[in-house]
mmCIF file of all heavy atoms, coordinates in Angstrom:
data_MODEL
# 
_entry.id   MODEL 
# 
loop_
_atom_site.group_PDB 
_atom_site.id 
_atom_site.type_symbol 
_atom_site.label_atom_id 
_atom_site.label_alt_id 
_atom_site.label_comp_id 
_atom_site.label_asym_id 
_atom_site.label_entity_id 
_atom_site.label_seq_id 
_atom_site.pdbx_PDB_ins_code 
_atom_site.Cartn_x 
_atom_site.Cartn_y 
_atom_site.Cartn_z 
_atom_site.occupancy 
_atom_site.B_iso_or_equiv 
_atom_site.pdbx_formal_charge 
_atom_site.auth_seq_id 
_atom_site.auth_comp_id 
_atom_site.auth_asym_id 
_atom_site.auth_atom_id 
_atom_site.pdbx_PDB_model_num 
ATOM 1   N N   . ILE A 1 1  ? -26.694 32.067 -11.558 1.00 0.00 ? 1  ILE A N   1 
ATOM 2   C CA  . ILE A 1 1  ? -26.637 33.390 -12.177 1.00 0.00 ? 1  ILE A CA  1 
ATOM 3   C C   . ILE A 1 1  ? -26.627 34.447 -11.049 1.00 0.00 ? 1  ILE A C   1 
ATOM 4   O O   . ILE A 1 1  ? -27.556 34.535 -10.259 1.00 0.00 ? 1  ILE A O   1 
ATOM 5   C CB  . ILE A 1 1  ? -27.823 33.597 -13.113 1.00 0.00 ? 1  ILE A CB  1 
ATOM 6   C CG1 . ILE A 1 1  ? -27.829 32.554 -14.220 1.00 0.00 ? 1  ILE A CG1 1 
ATOM 7   C CG2 . ILE A 1 1  ? -27.764 35.031 -13.742 1.00 0.00 ? 1  ILE A CG2 1 
ATOM 8   C CD1 . ILE A 1 1  ? -29.061 32.574 -15.135 1.00 0.00 ? 1  ILE A CD1 1 
ATOM 9   N N   . PHE A 1 2  ? -25.549 35.226 -11.020 1.00 0.00 ? 2  PHE A N   1 
ATOM 10  C CA  . PHE A 1 2  ? -25.421 36.281 -10.004 1.00 0.00 ? 2  PHE A CA  1 
ATOM 11  C C   . PHE A 1 2  ? -25.494 37.615 -10.697 1.00 0.00 ? 2  PHE A C   1 
ATOM 12  O O   . PHE A 1 2  ? -24.595 37.976 -11.528 1.00 0.00 ? 2  PHE A O   1 
ATOM 13  C CB  . PHE A 1 2  ? -24.064 36.148 -9.274  1.00 0.00 ? 2  PHE A CB  1 
ATOM 14  C CG  . PHE A 1 2  ? -23.923 34.829 -8.535  1.00 0.00 ? 2  PHE A CG  1 
ATOM 15  C CD1 . PHE A 1 2  ? -23.200 33.798 -9.124  1.00 0.00 ? 2  PHE A CD1 1 
ATOM 16  C CD2 . PHE A 1 2  ? -24.469 34.641 -7.282  1.00 0.00 ? 2  PHE A CD2 1 
ATOM 17  C CE1 . PHE A 1 2  ? -23.048 32.580 -8.481  1.00 0.00 ? 2  PHE A CE1 1 
ATOM 18  C CE2 . PHE A 1 2  ? -24.326 33.450 -6.618  1.00 0.00 ? 2  PHE A CE2 1 
ATOM 19  C CZ  . PHE A 1 2  ? -23.614 32.413 -7.196  1.00 0.00 ? 2  PHE A CZ  1 
ATOM 20  N N   . PRO A 1 3  ? -26.549 38.420 -10.416 1.00 0.00 ? 3  PRO A N   1 
ATOM 21  C CA  . PRO A 1 3  ? -26.660 39.761 -11.034 1.00 0.00 ? 3  PRO A CA  1 
ATOM 22  C C   . PRO A 1 3  ? -25.386 40.592 -10.822 1.00 0.00 ? 3  PRO A C   1 
ATOM 23  O O   . PRO A 1 3  ? -24.848 40.618 -9.722  1.00 0.00 ? 3  PRO A O   1 
ATOM 24  C CB  . PRO A 1 3  ? -27.880 40.366 -10.335 1.00 0.00 ? 3  PRO A CB  1 
ATOM 25  C CG  . PRO A 1 3  ? -28.685 39.169 -9.866  1.00 0.00 ? 3  PRO A CG  1 
ATOM 26  C CD  . PRO A 1 3  ? -27.672 38.112 -9.503  1.00 0.00 ? 3  PRO A CD  1 
ATOM 27  N N   . LYS A 1 4  ? -24.966 41.261 -11.887 1.00 0.00 ? 4  LYS A N   1 
ATOM 28  C CA  . LYS A 1 4  ? -23.798 42.171 -11.879 1.00 0.00 ? 4  LYS A CA  1 
ATOM 29  C C   . LYS A 1 4  ? -22.479 41.445 -11.636 1.00 0.00 ? 4  LYS A C   1 
ATOM 30  O O   . LYS A 1 4  ? -21.435 42.080 -11.526 1.00 0.00 ? 4  LYS A O   1 
ATOM 31  C CB  . LYS A 1 4  ? -23.969 43.282 -10.831 1.00 0.00 ? 4  LYS A CB  1 
ATOM 32  C CG  . LYS A 1 4  ? -25.199 44.175 -11.042 1.00 0.00 ? 4  LYS A CG  1 
ATOM 33  C CD  . LYS A 1 4  ? -25.255 45.295 -10.001 1.00 0.00 ? 4  LYS A CD  1 
ATOM 34  C CE  . LYS A 1 4  ? -26.459 46.170 -10.246 1.00 0.00 ? 4  LYS A CE  1 
ATOM 35  N NZ  . LYS A 1 4  ? -26.568 47.263 -9.242  1.00 0.00 ? 4  LYS A NZ  1 
ATOM 36  N N   . ILE A 1 5  ? -22.525 40.106 -11.568 1.00 0.00 ? 5  ILE A N   1 
ATOM 37  C CA  . ILE A 1 5  ? -21.257 39.323 -11.425 1.00 0.00 ? 5  ILE A CA  1 
ATOM 38  C C   . ILE A 1 5  ? -21.090 38.407 -12.602 1.00 0.00 ? 5  ILE A C   1 
ATOM 39  O O   . ILE A 1 5  ? -20.053 38.416 -13.269 1.00 0.00 ? 5  ILE A O   1 
ATOM 40  C CB  . ILE A 1 5  ? -21.270 38.545 -10.094 1.00 0.00 ? 5  ILE A CB  1 
ATOM 41  C CG1 . ILE A 1 5  ? -21.314 39.518 -8.903  1.00 0.00 ? 5  ILE A CG1 1 
ATOM 42  C CG2 . ILE A 1 5  ? -20.003 37.657 -10.016 1.00 0.00 ? 5  ILE A CG2 1 
ATOM 43  C CD1 . ILE A 1 5  ? -21.418 38.801 -7.580  1.00 0.00 ? 5  ILE A CD1 1 
ATOM 44  N N   . GLY A 1 6  ? -22.102 37.598 -12.897 1.00 0.00 ? 6  GLY A N   1 
ATOM 45  C CA  . GLY A 1 6  ? -21.997 36.697 -14.032 1.00 0.00 ? 6  GLY A CA  1 
ATOM 46  C C   . GLY A 1 6  ? -22.669 35.380 -13.771 1.00 0.00 ? 6  GLY A C   1 
ATOM 47  O O   . GLY A 1 6  ? -23.303 35.151 -12.712 1.00 0.00 ? 6  GLY A O   1 
ATOM 48  N N   . SER A 1 7  ? -22.550 34.475 -14.731 1.00 0.00 ? 7  SER A N   1 
ATOM 49  C CA  . SER A 1 7  ? -23.122 33.143 -14.668 1.00 0.00 ? 7  SER A CA  1 
ATOM 50  C C   . SER A 1 7  ? -22.009 32.107 -14.502 1.00 0.00 ? 7  SER A C   1 
ATOM 51  O O   . SER A 1 7  ? -20.935 32.252 -15.102 1.00 0.00 ? 7  SER A O   1 
ATOM 52  C CB  . SER A 1 7  ? -23.923 32.818 -15.917 1.00 0.00 ? 7  SER A CB  1 
ATOM 53  O OG  . SER A 1 7  ? -25.007 33.714 -16.082 1.00 0.00 ? 7  SER A OG  1 
ATOM 54  N N   . PHE A 1 8  ? -22.266 31.087 -13.721 1.00 0.00 ? 8  PHE A N   1 
ATOM 55  C CA  . PHE A 1 8  ? -21.275 30.094 -13.426 1.00 0.00 ? 8  PHE A CA  1 
ATOM 56  C C   . PHE A 1 8  ? -21.919 28.711 -13.416 1.00 0.00 ? 8  PHE A C   1 
ATOM 57  O O   . PHE A 1 8  ? -23.077 28.554 -13.066 1.00 0.00 ? 8  PHE A O   1 
ATOM 58  C CB  . PHE A 1 8  ? -20.634 30.329 -12.039 1.00 0.00 ? 8  PHE A CB  1 
ATOM 59  C CG  . PHE A 1 8  ? -19.953 31.670 -11.926 1.00 0.00 ? 8  PHE A CG  1 
ATOM 60  C CD1 . PHE A 1 8  ? -20.680 32.818 -11.679 1.00 0.00 ? 8  PHE A CD1 1 
ATOM 61  C CD2 . PHE A 1 8  ? -18.568 31.746 -12.037 1.00 0.00 ? 8  PHE A CD2 1 
ATOM 62  C CE1 . PHE A 1 8  ? -20.065 34.051 -11.555 1.00 0.00 ? 8  PHE A CE1 1 
ATOM 63  C CE2 . PHE A 1 8  ? -17.942 32.996 -11.939 1.00 0.00 ? 8  PHE A CE2 1 
ATOM 64  C CZ  . PHE A 1 8  ? -18.676 34.143 -11.710 1.00 0.00 ? 8  PHE A CZ  1 
ATOM 65  N N   . VAL A 1 9  ? -21.079 27.704 -13.766 1.00 0.00 ? 9  VAL A N   1 
ATOM 66  C CA  . VAL A 1 9  ? -21.519 26.322 -13.604 1.00 0.00 ? 9  VAL A CA  1 
ATOM 67  C C   . VAL A 1 9  ? -21.618 26.071 -12.101 1.00 0.00 ? 9  VAL A C   1 
ATOM 68  O O   . VAL A 1 9  ? -20.690 26.405 -11.361 1.00 0.00 ? 9  VAL A O   1 
ATOM 69  C CB  . VAL A 1 9  ? -20.531 25.354 -14.238 1.00 0.00 ? 9  VAL A CB  1 
ATOM 70  C CG1 . VAL A 1 9  ? -20.962 23.888 -13.970 1.00 0.00 ? 9  VAL A CG1 1 
ATOM 71  C CG2 . VAL A 1 9  ? -20.406 25.602 -15.741 1.00 0.00 ? 9  VAL A CG2 1 
ATOM 72  N N   . SER A 1 10 ? -22.729 25.537 -11.650 1.00 0.00 ? 10 SER A N   1 
ATOM 73  C CA  . SER A 1 10 ? -22.848 25.231 -10.240 1.00 0.00 ? 10 SER A CA  1 
ATOM 74  C C   . SER A 1 10 ? -21.799 24.233 -9.790  1.00 0.00 ? 10 SER A C   1 
ATOM 75  O O   . SER A 1 10 ? -21.492 23.265 -10.518 1.00 0.00 ? 10 SER A O   1 
ATOM 76  C CB  . SER A 1 10 ? -24.251 24.648 -9.932  1.00 0.00 ? 10 SER A CB  1 
ATOM 77  O OG  . SER A 1 10 ? -25.267 25.578 -10.234 1.00 0.00 ? 10 SER A OG  1 
ATOM 78  N N   . ARG A 1 11 ? -21.249 24.469 -8.625  1.00 0.00 ? 11 ARG A N   1 
ATOM 79  C CA  . ARG A 1 11 ? -20.373 23.467 -8.065  1.00 0.00 ? 11 ARG A CA  1 
ATOM 80  C C   . ARG A 1 11 ? -21.202 22.284 -7.600  1.00 0.00 ? 11 ARG A C   1 
ATOM 81  O O   . ARG A 1 11 ? -22.378 22.410 -7.284  1.00 0.00 ? 11 ARG A O   1 
ATOM 82  C CB  . ARG A 1 11 ? -19.537 24.082 -6.933  1.00 0.00 ? 11 ARG A CB  1 
ATOM 83  C CG  . ARG A 1 11 ? -18.559 25.151 -7.486  1.00 0.00 ? 11 ARG A CG  1 
ATOM 84  C CD  . ARG A 1 11 ? -17.616 25.668 -6.404  1.00 0.00 ? 11 ARG A CD  1 
ATOM 85  N NE  . ARG A 1 11 ? -18.303 26.550 -5.495  1.00 0.00 ? 11 ARG A NE  1 
ATOM 86  C CZ  . ARG A 1 11 ? -17.680 27.170 -4.482  1.00 0.00 ? 11 ARG A CZ  1 
ATOM 87  N NH1 . ARG A 1 11 ? -16.393 26.962 -4.288  1.00 0.00 ? 11 ARG A NH1 1 
ATOM 88  N NH2 . ARG A 1 11 ? -18.350 27.977 -3.669  1.00 0.00 ? 11 ARG A NH2 1 
ATOM 89  N N   . VAL A 1 12 ? -20.590 21.103 -7.588  1.00 0.00 ? 12 VAL A N   1 
ATOM 90  C CA  . VAL A 1 12 ? -21.320 19.882 -7.219  1.00 0.00 ? 12 VAL A CA  1 
ATOM 91  C C   . VAL A 1 12 ? -21.785 20.006 -5.757  1.00 0.00 ? 12 VAL A C   1 
ATOM 92  O O   . VAL A 1 12 ? -21.025 20.252 -4.862  1.00 0.00 ? 12 VAL A O   1 
ATOM 93  C CB  . VAL A 1 12 ? -20.445 18.644 -7.411  1.00 0.00 ? 12 VAL A CB  1 
ATOM 94  C CG1 . VAL A 1 12 ? -21.186 17.384 -6.936  1.00 0.00 ? 12 VAL A CG1 1 
ATOM 95  C CG2 . VAL A 1 12 ? -20.031 18.503 -8.872  1.00 0.00 ? 12 VAL A CG2 1 
ATOM 96  N N   . ASP A 1 13 ? -23.065 19.830 -5.553  1.00 0.00 ? 13 ASP A N   1 
ATOM 97  C CA  . ASP A 1 13 ? -23.675 19.935 -4.234  1.00 0.00 ? 13 ASP A CA  1 
ATOM 98  C C   . ASP A 1 13 ? -23.874 18.547 -3.626  1.00 0.00 ? 13 ASP A C   1 
ATOM 99  O O   . ASP A 1 13 ? -24.728 17.782 -4.081  1.00 0.00 ? 13 ASP A O   1 
ATOM 100 C CB  . ASP A 1 13 ? -24.999 20.664 -4.336  1.00 0.00 ? 13 ASP A CB  1 
ATOM 101 C CG  . ASP A 1 13 ? -25.649 20.971 -2.983  1.00 0.00 ? 13 ASP A CG  1 
ATOM 102 O OD1 . ASP A 1 13 ? -25.250 20.340 -2.020  1.00 0.00 ? 13 ASP A OD1 1 
ATOM 103 O OD2 . ASP A 1 13 ? -26.516 21.843 -2.939  1.00 0.00 ? 13 ASP A OD2 1 
ATOM 104 N N   . PRO A 1 14 ? -23.082 18.198 -2.601  1.00 0.00 ? 14 PRO A N   1 
ATOM 105 C CA  . PRO A 1 14 ? -23.188 16.849 -2.003  1.00 0.00 ? 14 PRO A CA  1 
ATOM 106 C C   . PRO A 1 14 ? -24.616 16.561 -1.494  1.00 0.00 ? 14 PRO A C   1 
ATOM 107 O O   . PRO A 1 14 ? -25.064 15.405 -1.530  1.00 0.00 ? 14 PRO A O   1 
ATOM 108 C CB  . PRO A 1 14 ? -22.186 16.867 -0.862  1.00 0.00 ? 14 PRO A CB  1 
ATOM 109 C CG  . PRO A 1 14 ? -21.152 17.874 -1.313  1.00 0.00 ? 14 PRO A CG  1 
ATOM 110 C CD  . PRO A 1 14 ? -21.937 18.943 -2.033  1.00 0.00 ? 14 PRO A CD  1 
ATOM 111 N N   . ALA A 1 15 ? -25.312 17.607 -1.049  1.00 0.00 ? 15 ALA A N   1 
ATOM 112 C CA  . ALA A 1 15 ? -26.689 17.382 -0.586  1.00 0.00 ? 15 ALA A CA  1 
ATOM 113 C C   . ALA A 1 15 ? -27.607 16.977 -1.702  1.00 0.00 ? 15 ALA A C   1 
ATOM 114 O O   . ALA A 1 15 ? -28.466 16.052 -1.557  1.00 0.00 ? 15 ALA A O   1 
ATOM 115 C CB  . ALA A 1 15 ? -27.236 18.640 0.106   1.00 0.00 ? 15 ALA A CB  1 
ATOM 116 N N   . GLN A 1 16 ? -27.457 17.588 -2.883  1.00 0.00 ? 16 GLN A N   1 
ATOM 117 C CA  . GLN A 1 16 ? -28.265 17.240 -4.042  1.00 0.00 ? 16 GLN A CA  1 
ATOM 118 C C   . GLN A 1 16 ? -27.849 15.875 -4.589  1.00 0.00 ? 16 GLN A C   1 
ATOM 119 O O   . GLN A 1 16 ? -28.673 15.114 -5.116  1.00 0.00 ? 16 GLN A O   1 
ATOM 120 C CB  . GLN A 1 16 ? -28.151 18.316 -5.129  1.00 0.00 ? 16 GLN A CB  1 
ATOM 121 C CG  . GLN A 1 16 ? -28.827 19.624 -4.709  1.00 0.00 ? 16 GLN A CG  1 
ATOM 122 C CD  . GLN A 1 16 ? -29.029 20.544 -5.906  1.00 0.00 ? 16 GLN A CD  1 
ATOM 123 O OE1 . GLN A 1 16 ? -29.554 20.151 -6.934  1.00 0.00 ? 16 GLN A OE1 1 
ATOM 124 N NE2 . GLN A 1 16 ? -28.627 21.819 -5.745  1.00 0.00 ? 16 GLN A NE2 1 
ATOM 125 N N   . VAL A 1 17 ? -26.571 15.558 -4.476  1.00 0.00 ? 17 VAL A N   1 
ATOM 126 C CA  . VAL A 1 17 ? -26.087 14.224 -4.848  1.00 0.00 ? 17 VAL A CA  1 
ATOM 127 C C   . VAL A 1 17 ? -26.789 13.169 -3.985  1.00 0.00 ? 17 VAL A C   1 
ATOM 128 O O   . VAL A 1 17 ? -27.287 12.148 -4.486  1.00 0.00 ? 17 VAL A O   1 
ATOM 129 C CB  . VAL A 1 17 ? -24.552 14.083 -4.722  1.00 0.00 ? 17 VAL A CB  1 
ATOM 130 C CG1 . VAL A 1 17 ? -24.114 12.654 -4.931  1.00 0.00 ? 17 VAL A CG1 1 
ATOM 131 C CG2 . VAL A 1 17 ? -23.849 15.006 -5.713  1.00 0.00 ? 17 VAL A CG2 1 
ATOM 132 N N   . ALA A 1 18 ? -26.799 13.420 -2.679  1.00 0.00 ? 18 ALA A N   1 
ATOM 133 C CA  . ALA A 1 18 ? -27.437 12.460 -1.766  1.00 0.00 ? 18 ALA A CA  1 
ATOM 134 C C   . ALA A 1 18 ? -28.924 12.291 -2.054  1.00 0.00 ? 18 ALA A C   1 
ATOM 135 O O   . ALA A 1 18 ? -29.451 11.179 -2.019  1.00 0.00 ? 18 ALA A O   1 
ATOM 136 C CB  . ALA A 1 18 ? -27.213 12.927 -0.336  1.00 0.00 ? 18 ALA A CB  1 
ATOM 137 N N   . ASP A 1 19 ? -29.625 13.416 -2.359  1.00 0.00 ? 19 ASP A N   1 
ATOM 138 C CA  . ASP A 1 19 ? -31.034 13.312 -2.653  1.00 0.00 ? 19 ASP A CA  1 
ATOM 139 C C   . ASP A 1 19 ? -31.300 12.501 -3.928  1.00 0.00 ? 19 ASP A C   1 
ATOM 140 O O   . ASP A 1 19 ? -32.182 11.628 -3.973  1.00 0.00 ? 19 ASP A O   1 
ATOM 141 C CB  . ASP A 1 19 ? -31.633 14.734 -2.863  1.00 0.00 ? 19 ASP A CB  1 
ATOM 142 C CG  . ASP A 1 19 ? -31.766 15.473 -1.562  1.00 0.00 ? 19 ASP A CG  1 
ATOM 143 O OD1 . ASP A 1 19 ? -31.736 14.835 -0.471  1.00 0.00 ? 19 ASP A OD1 1 
ATOM 144 O OD2 . ASP A 1 19 ? -31.949 16.714 -1.601  1.00 0.00 ? 19 ASP A OD2 1 
ATOM 145 N N   . ALA A 1 20 ? -30.471 12.753 -4.969  1.00 0.00 ? 20 ALA A N   1 
ATOM 146 C CA  . ALA A 1 20 ? -30.638 12.035 -6.223  1.00 0.00 ? 20 ALA A CA  1 
ATOM 147 C C   . ALA A 1 20 ? -30.280 10.539 -6.064  1.00 0.00 ? 20 ALA A C   1 
ATOM 148 O O   . ALA A 1 20 ? -30.919 9.670  -6.625  1.00 0.00 ? 20 ALA A O   1 
ATOM 149 C CB  . ALA A 1 20 ? -29.780 12.688 -7.320  1.00 0.00 ? 20 ALA A CB  1 
ATOM 150 N N   . GLN A 1 21 ? -29.234 10.272 -5.286  1.00 0.00 ? 21 GLN A N   1 
ATOM 151 C CA  . GLN A 1 21 ? -28.836 8.908  -5.043  1.00 0.00 ? 21 GLN A CA  1 
ATOM 152 C C   . GLN A 1 21 ? -29.916 8.167  -4.256  1.00 0.00 ? 21 GLN A C   1 
ATOM 153 O O   . GLN A 1 21 ? -30.228 6.993  -4.560  1.00 0.00 ? 21 GLN A O   1 
ATOM 154 C CB  . GLN A 1 21 ? -27.504 8.862  -4.279  1.00 0.00 ? 21 GLN A CB  1 
ATOM 155 C CG  . GLN A 1 21 ? -26.825 7.503  -4.292  1.00 0.00 ? 21 GLN A CG  1 
ATOM 156 C CD  . GLN A 1 21 ? -27.429 6.548  -3.310  1.00 0.00 ? 21 GLN A CD  1 
ATOM 157 O OE1 . GLN A 1 21 ? -27.996 6.951  -2.295  1.00 0.00 ? 21 GLN A OE1 1 
ATOM 158 N NE2 . GLN A 1 21 ? -27.293 5.236  -3.556  1.00 0.00 ? 21 GLN A NE2 1 
ATOM 159 N N   . PHE A 1 22 ? -30.545 8.834  -3.308  1.00 0.00 ? 22 PHE A N   1 
ATOM 160 C CA  . PHE A 1 22 ? -31.657 8.232  -2.540  1.00 0.00 ? 22 PHE A CA  1 
ATOM 161 C C   . PHE A 1 22 ? -32.788 7.877  -3.492  1.00 0.00 ? 22 PHE A C   1 
ATOM 162 O O   . PHE A 1 22 ? -33.351 6.743  -3.407  1.00 0.00 ? 22 PHE A O   1 
ATOM 163 C CB  . PHE A 1 22 ? -32.138 9.226  -1.477  1.00 0.00 ? 22 PHE A CB  1 
ATOM 164 C CG  . PHE A 1 22 ? -33.346 8.772  -0.730  1.00 0.00 ? 22 PHE A CG  1 
ATOM 165 C CD1 . PHE A 1 22 ? -33.199 7.888  0.348   1.00 0.00 ? 22 PHE A CD1 1 
ATOM 166 C CD2 . PHE A 1 22 ? -34.623 9.195  -1.079  1.00 0.00 ? 22 PHE A CD2 1 
ATOM 167 C CE1 . PHE A 1 22 ? -34.345 7.436  1.012   1.00 0.00 ? 22 PHE A CE1 1 
ATOM 168 C CE2 . PHE A 1 22 ? -35.728 8.754  -0.401  1.00 0.00 ? 22 PHE A CE2 1 
ATOM 169 C CZ  . PHE A 1 22 ? -35.598 7.874  0.662   1.00 0.00 ? 22 PHE A CZ  1 
ATOM 170 N N   . LEU A 1 23 ? -33.160 8.787  -4.379  1.00 0.00 ? 23 LEU A N   1 
ATOM 171 C CA  . LEU A 1 23 ? -34.216 8.515  -5.313  1.00 0.00 ? 23 LEU A CA  1 
ATOM 172 C C   . LEU A 1 23 ? -33.855 7.375  -6.226  1.00 0.00 ? 23 LEU A C   1 
ATOM 173 O O   . LEU A 1 23 ? -34.633 6.450  -6.467  1.00 0.00 ? 23 LEU A O   1 
ATOM 174 C CB  . LEU A 1 23 ? -34.501 9.768  -6.166  1.00 0.00 ? 23 LEU A CB  1 
ATOM 175 C CG  . LEU A 1 23 ? -35.440 9.606  -7.373  1.00 0.00 ? 23 LEU A CG  1 
ATOM 176 C CD1 . LEU A 1 23 ? -36.835 9.233  -6.875  1.00 0.00 ? 23 LEU A CD1 1 
ATOM 177 C CD2 . LEU A 1 23 ? -35.472 10.901 -8.187  1.00 0.00 ? 23 LEU A CD2 1 
ATOM 178 N N   . ARG A 1 24 ? -32.610 7.393  -6.750  1.00 0.00 ? 24 ARG A N   1 
ATOM 179 C CA  . ARG A 1 24 ? -32.203 6.363  -7.691  1.00 0.00 ? 24 ARG A CA  1 
ATOM 180 C C   . ARG A 1 24 ? -32.175 4.993  -7.018  1.00 0.00 ? 24 ARG A C   1 
ATOM 181 O O   . ARG A 1 24 ? -32.660 4.005  -7.576  1.00 0.00 ? 24 ARG A O   1 
ATOM 182 C CB  . ARG A 1 24 ? -30.800 6.701  -8.251  1.00 0.00 ? 24 ARG A CB  1 
ATOM 183 C CG  . ARG A 1 24 ? -30.331 5.663  -9.246  1.00 0.00 ? 24 ARG A CG  1 
ATOM 184 C CD  . ARG A 1 24 ? -28.986 6.016  -9.848  1.00 0.00 ? 24 ARG A CD  1 
ATOM 185 N NE  . ARG A 1 24 ? -28.619 5.001  -10.824 1.00 0.00 ? 24 ARG A NE  1 
ATOM 186 C CZ  . ARG A 1 24 ? -27.509 4.999  -11.512 1.00 0.00 ? 24 ARG A CZ  1 
ATOM 187 N NH1 . ARG A 1 24 ? -26.607 5.960  -11.333 1.00 0.00 ? 24 ARG A NH1 1 
ATOM 188 N NH2 . ARG A 1 24 ? -27.246 4.048  -12.390 1.00 0.00 ? 24 ARG A NH2 1 
# 
């Protein structure tokens, strides 16, 4: 959510993918 711009679906974050994959 960006004030005065709008809300957007987050783009896929490879770093968060790696963290989740590590946990899984």
